[in-house]
Amino acid sequence: MTLLEALTQFAYECNHNDRLQAMNRDWTRRIQLDPDDTHLPHYIISDSGQLSVGAGAVDNPDLLITSSEEILTAVFSGQMTPTEPYNAGDLMVKGRQDDVMRLDILTLLIWGE
């Protein structure tokens, strides 16, 4: 599975979850994922809770997530929780703490622990 495929599935799951839609109706953010091994950025855009994803960079991201493409793919496909690579220093997240927590909640509600 590629990173883009994982992000596409993640967005689909979020966009078809009524609970997440209600929770994120006021959350509009630009999230950039920067694989530090391939240097091919991807993005997630949350616009009032609806997610769109794609390859490439976004202007002025609210969250910047850096890791290997393998880890990013595993996290956004639900094969791995972000906690372990984050605690090991293999996943870096820059942005406001409340946005980081919101993204953590999204992954938890979609993929579980």
C-alpha atoms as a PDB file:
ATOM      1  CA  MET A   1       0.000   0.000   0.000  1.00  0.00           C
ATOM      2  CA  THR A   2       1.315   3.449  -0.871  1.00  0.00           C
ATOM      3  CA  LEU A   3       1.067   6.489   1.365  1.00  0.00           C
ATOM      4  CA  LEU A   4      -1.479   8.055  -0.985  1.00  0.00           C
ATOM      5  CA  GLU A   5      -3.604   4.886  -0.890  1.00  0.00           C
ATOM      6  CA  ALA A   6      -3.472   4.873   2.920  1.00  0.00           C
ATOM      7  CA  LEU A   7      -4.446   8.550   3.077  1.00  0.00           C
ATOM      8  CA  THR A   8      -7.269   8.020   0.590  1.00  0.00           C
ATOM      9  CA  GLN A   9      -8.700   5.182   2.694  1.00  0.00           C
ATOM     10  CA  PHE A  10      -8.251   7.247   5.881  1.00  0.00           C
ATOM     11  CA  ALA A  11     -10.147  10.178   4.333  1.00  0.00           C
ATOM     12  CA  TYR A  12     -12.900   7.865   3.097  1.00  0.00           C
ATOM     13  CA  GLU A  13     -13.358   6.362   6.573  1.00  0.00           C
ATOM     14  CA  CYS A  14     -13.426   9.810   8.212  1.00  0.00           C
ATOM     15  CA  ASN A  15     -15.807  11.262   5.640  1.00  0.00           C
ATOM     16  CA  HIS A  16     -18.262   8.388   6.117  1.00  0.00           C
ATOM     17  CA  ASN A  17     -18.288   8.411   9.920  1.00  0.00           C
ATOM     18  CA  ASP A  18     -21.199  10.454  11.314  1.00  0.00           C
ATOM     19  CA  ARG A  19     -19.582  10.787  14.735  1.00  0.00           C
ATOM     20  CA  LEU A  20     -16.386  12.249  13.251  1.00  0.00           C
ATOM     21  CA  GLN A  21     -18.362  14.522  10.949  1.00  0.00           C
ATOM     22  CA  ALA A  22     -20.202  16.017  13.914  1.00  0.00           C
ATOM     23  CA  MET A  23     -17.033  16.304  15.996  1.00  0.00           C
ATOM     24  CA  ASN A  24     -14.994  17.977  13.240  1.00  0.00           C
ATOM     25  CA  ARG A  25     -17.590  20.230  11.634  1.00  0.00           C
ATOM     26  CA  ASP A  26     -15.669  23.282  12.901  1.00  0.00           C
ATOM     27  CA  TRP A  27     -12.148  21.959  12.155  1.00  0.00           C
ATOM     28  CA  THR A  28     -10.510  23.413   9.057  1.00  0.00           C
ATOM     29  CA  ARG A  29      -6.793  22.650   8.848  1.00  0.00           C
ATOM     30  CA  ARG A  30      -3.992  21.945   6.368  1.00  0.00           C
ATOM     31  CA  ILE A  31      -1.759  19.021   7.303  1.00  0.00           C
ATOM     32  CA  GLN A  32       1.440  18.237   5.458  1.00  0.00           C
ATOM     33  CA  LEU A  33       3.179  14.878   5.675  1.00  0.00           C
ATOM     34  CA  ASP A  34       6.879  14.992   4.846  1.00  0.00           C
ATOM     35  CA  PRO A  35       8.470  11.567   4.401  1.00  0.00           C
ATOM     36  CA  ASP A  36      12.102  12.145   5.366  1.00  0.00           C
ATOM     37  CA  ASP A  37      13.295   9.269   3.185  1.00  0.00           C
ATOM     38  CA  THR A  38      11.495   9.920  -0.112  1.00  0.00           C
ATOM     39  CA  HIS A  39      11.041  13.702   0.256  1.00  0.00           C
ATOM     40  CA  LEU A  40       7.705  13.408  -1.601  1.00  0.00           C
ATOM     41  CA  PRO A  41       5.193  15.373   0.507  1.00  0.00           C
ATOM     42  CA  HIS A  42       1.515  14.527   0.807  1.00  0.00           C
ATOM     43  CA  TYR A  43      -1.309  16.443   2.411  1.00  0.00           C
ATOM     44  CA  ILE A  44      -4.571  16.143   4.259  1.00  0.00           C
ATOM     45  CA  ILE A  45      -6.959  19.072   4.171  1.00  0.00           C
ATOM     46  CA  SER A  46      -9.816  19.179   6.643  1.00  0.00           C
ATOM     47  CA  ASP A  47     -12.503  21.615   5.527  1.00  0.00           C
ATOM     48  CA  SER A  48     -15.267  21.727   8.120  1.00  0.00           C
ATOM     49  CA  GLY A  49     -14.616  18.066   8.867  1.00  0.00           C
ATOM     50  CA  GLN A  50     -14.520  16.789   5.263  1.00  0.00           C
ATOM     51  CA  LEU A  51     -11.078  15.420   4.434  1.00  0.00           C
ATOM     52  CA  SER A  52      -9.337  15.566   1.096  1.00  0.00           C
ATOM     53  CA  VAL A  53      -5.870  14.168   0.438  1.00  0.00           C
ATOM     54  CA  GLY A  54      -3.260  14.262  -2.263  1.00  0.00           C
ATOM     55  CA  ALA A  55       0.383  14.246  -3.251  1.00  0.00           C
ATOM     56  CA  GLY A  56       2.345  17.472  -3.013  1.00  0.00           C
ATOM     57  CA  ALA A  57       2.852  20.268  -0.533  1.00  0.00           C
ATOM     58  CA  VAL A  58       0.348  22.734   0.934  1.00  0.00           C
ATOM     59  CA  ASP A  59       0.932  26.405   1.661  1.00  0.00           C
ATOM     60  CA  ASN A  60       1.234  27.310   5.340  1.00  0.00           C
ATOM     61  CA  PRO A  61       0.386  23.931   6.894  1.00  0.00           C
ATOM     62  CA  ASP A  62      -1.196  23.987  10.353  1.00  0.00           C
ATOM     63  CA  LEU A  63       0.422  20.639  11.150  1.00  0.00           C
ATOM     64  CA  LEU A  64       3.672  19.262   9.779  1.00  0.00           C
ATOM     65  CA  ILE A  65       4.251  15.535  10.257  1.00  0.00           C
ATOM     66  CA  THR A  66       7.667  14.072   9.472  1.00  0.00           C
ATOM     67  CA  SER A  67       8.686  10.414   9.459  1.00  0.00           C
ATOM     68  CA  SER A  68       9.636   7.697   7.013  1.00  0.00           C
ATOM     69  CA  GLU A  69       7.100   6.917   4.314  1.00  0.00           C
ATOM     70  CA  GLU A  70       6.769   3.412   5.756  1.00  0.00           C
ATOM     71  CA  ILE A  71       5.774   4.722   9.193  1.00  0.00           C
ATOM     72  CA  LEU A  72       3.417   7.352   7.769  1.00  0.00           C
ATOM     73  CA  THR A  73       1.744   4.695   5.630  1.00  0.00           C
ATOM     74  CA  ALA A  74       1.431   2.323   8.592  1.00  0.00           C
ATOM     75  CA  VAL A  75      -0.060   5.022  10.839  1.00  0.00           C
ATOM     76  CA  PHE A  76      -2.613   6.271   8.316  1.00  0.00           C
ATOM     77  CA  SER A  77      -3.575   2.744   7.217  1.00  0.00           C
ATOM     78  CA  GLY A  78      -4.223   1.674  10.805  1.00  0.00           C
ATOM     79  CA  GLN A  79      -1.403  -0.877  10.914  1.00  0.00           C
ATOM     80  CA  MET A  80       0.374   1.116  13.636  1.00  0.00           C
ATOM     81  CA  THR A  81      -0.699   3.642  16.243  1.00  0.00           C
ATOM     82  CA  PRO A  82       1.236   6.919  16.186  1.00  0.00           C
ATOM     83  CA  THR A  83       2.213   6.554  19.855  1.00  0.00           C
ATOM     84  CA  GLU A  84       5.121   4.134  19.458  1.00  0.00           C
ATOM     85  CA  PRO A  85       7.004   5.941  16.656  1.00  0.00           C
ATOM     86  CA  TYR A  86       6.264   9.310  18.294  1.00  0.00           C
ATOM     87  CA  ASN A  87       7.705   8.180  21.640  1.00  0.00           C
ATOM     88  CA  ALA A  88      10.736   6.674  19.861  1.00  0.00           C
ATOM     89  CA  GLY A  89      11.417   9.958  18.055  1.00  0.00           C
ATOM     90  CA  ASP A  90      10.649   8.433  14.651  1.00  0.00           C
ATOM     91  CA  LEU A  91       7.514  10.542  14.110  1.00  0.00           C
ATOM     92  CA  MET A  92       7.734  14.317  14.526  1.00  0.00           C
ATOM     93  CA  VAL A  93       4.636  16.500  14.675  1.00  0.00           C
ATOM     94  CA  LYS A  94       4.824  20.289  14.630  1.00  0.00           C
ATOM     95  CA  GLY A  95       1.750  22.378  15.246  1.00  0.00           C
ATOM     96  CA  ARG A  96      -0.698  23.423  17.914  1.00  0.00           C
ATOM     97  CA  GLN A  97      -1.218  20.818  20.615  1.00  0.00           C
ATOM     98  CA  ASP A  98      -5.003  20.855  20.242  1.00  0.00           C
ATOM     99  CA  ASP A  99      -4.639  20.072  16.516  1.00  0.00           C
ATOM    100  CA  VAL A 100      -2.238  17.227  17.281  1.00  0.00           C
ATOM    101  CA  MET A 101      -4.724  15.805  19.778  1.00  0.00           C
ATOM    102  CA  ARG A 102      -7.585  16.118  17.268  1.00  0.00           C
ATOM    103  CA  LEU A 103      -5.598  14.160  14.678  1.00  0.00           C
ATOM    104  CA  ASP A 104      -4.795  11.508  17.314  1.00  0.00           C
ATOM    105  CA  ILE A 105      -8.503  11.187  18.075  1.00  0.00           C
ATOM    106  CA  LEU A 106      -9.296  10.788  14.371  1.00  0.00           C
ATOM    107  CA  THR A 107      -6.837   7.915  13.982  1.00  0.00           C
ATOM    108  CA  LEU A 108      -8.038   6.294  17.208  1.00  0.00           C
ATOM    109  CA  LEU A 109     -11.720   6.457  16.254  1.00  0.00           C
ATOM    110  CA  ILE A 110     -11.084   5.171  12.728  1.00  0.00           C
ATOM    111  CA  TRP A 111      -8.548   2.431  13.380  1.00  0.00           C
ATOM    112  CA  GLY A 112      -8.783   1.743  17.137  1.00  0.00           C
ATOM    113  CA  GLU A 113      -5.794   1.090  19.363  1.00  0.00           C
END
